[in-house]
Amino acid sequence: MDNVAKNVFASFLALPPVEKGLSGFKKLCKEWTLIWTNYYKPPQSQTQMLHAIEERAAEISSFQKIVPNIIHFLFNDVDVLNEDVILDWYDNLPEDSPLKELVKPVIEWLREDSDDEDSDEEDSDKEN
């Protein structure tokens, strides 16, 4: 039962429009936003979503190139992935995973954004 969320998203990733690339993924993903935002609310489901992406990238090397865009899209545009879940998933990727280097810019962006928010909160606390 633990892998249901992963298998659902893995099946989505195998659909013909998604296999055509990032634009097909984005279009279909937006059409299914209600499913993603409801079904993938729990952090463990989001982690399973990332594992499905990871497995797809391991199976299809051309898919690896769009993984950073997919993660960014699911976080920023669809608002289905939580920042902490993404960072935890990344930190637990094997060091020799090709995704480690590929998604690094997204991870750095998330961490910088998080640092900026922390800094803004500290500044706000000092003003009060």
Protein backbone atom coordinates (compact mmCIF):
# COMPACT_ATOMS: atom_id res chain seq x y z
CA MET A 1 0.00 0.00 0.00
CA ASP A 2 2.97 2.32 0.60
CA ASN A 3 3.78 2.54 -3.09
CA VAL A 4 0.32 3.50 -4.34
CA ALA A 5 1.19 7.19 -4.64
CA LYS A 6 4.41 6.32 -6.45
CA ASN A 7 2.65 3.93 -8.82
CA VAL A 8 -0.11 6.42 -9.62
CA PHE A 9 2.40 9.09 -10.57
CA ALA A 10 4.60 6.58 -12.39
CA SER A 11 1.59 5.65 -14.51
CA PHE A 12 0.96 9.32 -15.21
CA LEU A 13 4.57 9.74 -16.34
CA ALA A 14 4.08 6.89 -18.83
CA LEU A 15 1.11 8.51 -20.57
CA PRO A 16 1.72 9.46 -24.22
CA PRO A 17 1.40 13.26 -23.77
CA VAL A 18 3.92 13.16 -20.94
CA GLU A 19 6.32 11.02 -22.93
CA LYS A 20 6.45 13.79 -25.56
CA GLY A 21 8.39 16.00 -23.18
CA LEU A 22 8.07 18.88 -20.77
CA SER A 23 5.30 20.71 -22.61
CA GLY A 24 3.15 17.57 -22.69
CA PHE A 25 3.86 16.99 -19.02
CA LYS A 26 2.90 20.54 -18.06
CA LYS A 27 -0.29 20.55 -20.10
CA LEU A 28 -1.58 17.25 -18.76
CA CYS A 29 -0.39 17.98 -15.25
CA LYS A 30 -2.36 21.24 -15.16
CA GLU A 31 -5.45 19.38 -16.32
CA TRP A 32 -4.99 16.95 -13.44
CA THR A 33 -4.09 19.57 -10.82
CA LEU A 34 -7.06 18.70 -8.63
CA ILE A 35 -5.85 15.11 -8.36
CA TRP A 36 -2.30 16.14 -7.47
CA THR A 37 -3.25 18.77 -4.92
CA ASN A 38 -5.67 16.46 -3.14
CA TYR A 39 -3.94 13.10 -3.40
CA TYR A 40 -0.42 14.34 -2.76
CA LYS A 41 -1.03 16.54 0.30
CA PRO A 42 0.70 14.18 2.75
CA PRO A 43 4.49 14.55 2.69
CA GLN A 44 4.95 10.79 2.30
CA SER A 45 2.85 10.89 -0.89
CA GLN A 46 4.97 13.75 -2.20
CA THR A 47 8.08 11.71 -1.49
CA GLN A 48 6.55 8.84 -3.43
CA MET A 49 5.90 11.24 -6.30
CA LEU A 50 9.58 12.17 -6.31
CA HIS A 51 10.55 8.49 -6.22
CA ALA A 52 8.37 7.89 -9.29
CA ILE A 53 10.20 10.71 -11.07
CA GLU A 54 13.52 9.26 -9.94
CA GLU A 55 12.63 5.80 -11.24
CA ARG A 56 11.42 7.18 -14.57
CA ALA A 57 14.70 9.04 -14.95
CA ALA A 58 16.61 5.84 -14.25
CA GLU A 59 14.61 4.03 -16.94
CA ILE A 60 14.70 6.72 -19.63
CA SER A 61 17.86 8.78 -19.84
CA SER A 62 16.24 11.48 -21.99
CA PHE A 63 13.75 12.07 -19.17
CA GLN A 64 16.59 13.03 -16.83
CA LYS A 65 17.07 16.35 -18.63
CA ILE A 66 13.58 17.56 -17.76
CA VAL A 67 13.53 16.38 -14.14
CA PRO A 68 14.70 19.74 -12.74
CA ASN A 69 11.96 21.49 -14.72
CA ILE A 70 9.37 19.00 -13.53
CA ILE A 71 10.32 19.43 -9.88
CA HIS A 72 10.32 23.20 -10.23
CA PHE A 73 6.94 23.08 -12.00
CA LEU A 74 5.37 20.81 -9.38
CA PHE A 75 6.67 23.07 -6.62
CA ASN A 76 6.23 26.51 -8.11
CA ASP A 77 3.33 26.25 -10.57
CA VAL A 78 1.18 23.35 -9.42
CA ASP A 79 2.04 23.83 -5.74
CA VAL A 80 1.94 20.12 -5.03
CA LEU A 81 5.47 19.57 -3.71
CA ASN A 82 6.57 20.94 -0.37
CA GLU A 83 10.01 22.52 -0.17
CA ASP A 84 11.04 20.41 2.83
CA VAL A 85 10.00 17.22 1.05
CA ILE A 86 12.08 18.12 -2.00
CA LEU A 87 15.12 18.98 0.10
CA ASP A 88 14.81 15.80 2.15
CA TRP A 89 14.44 13.69 -0.99
CA TYR A 90 17.49 15.36 -2.53
CA ASP A 91 19.57 14.89 0.61
CA ASN A 92 18.74 11.18 0.53
CA LEU A 93 19.61 10.65 -3.13
CA PRO A 94 22.65 8.42 -3.55
CA GLU A 95 25.77 10.49 -4.18
CA ASP A 96 26.31 8.72 -7.51
CA SER A 97 22.77 9.45 -8.73
CA PRO A 98 22.83 11.45 -11.97
CA LEU A 99 19.86 13.40 -10.62
CA LYS A 100 21.99 14.76 -7.78
CA GLU A 101 23.85 17.08 -10.14
CA LEU A 102 20.91 17.71 -12.47
CA VAL A 103 18.54 19.00 -9.80
CA LYS A 104 21.22 20.84 -7.86
CA PRO A 105 20.29 24.26 -9.33
CA VAL A 106 16.68 23.80 -8.19
CA ILE A 107 17.85 22.74 -4.74
CA GLU A 108 20.18 25.73 -4.48
CA TRP A 109 17.33 28.00 -5.55
CA LEU A 110 15.07 26.50 -2.88
CA ARG A 111 17.73 26.86 -0.22
CA GLU A 112 18.51 30.45 -1.21
CA ASP A 113 14.83 31.30 -1.20
CA SER A 114 14.50 29.70 2.22
CA ASP A 115 17.54 31.62 3.50
CA ASP A 116 16.06 34.87 2.18
CA GLU A 117 12.79 34.19 3.99
CA ASP A 118 14.66 33.41 7.22
CA SER A 119 16.61 36.64 6.85
CA ASP A 120 13.42 38.61 6.25
CA GLU A 121 11.86 37.09 9.37
CA GLU A 122 14.91 38.01 11.44
CA ASP A 123 14.79 41.58 10.13
CA SER A 124 11.10 41.76 10.97
CA ASP A 125 11.76 40.45 14.49
CA LYS A 126 14.46 43.07 15.02
CA GLU A 127 12.11 45.86 13.95
CA ASN A 128 9.50 44.79 16.49
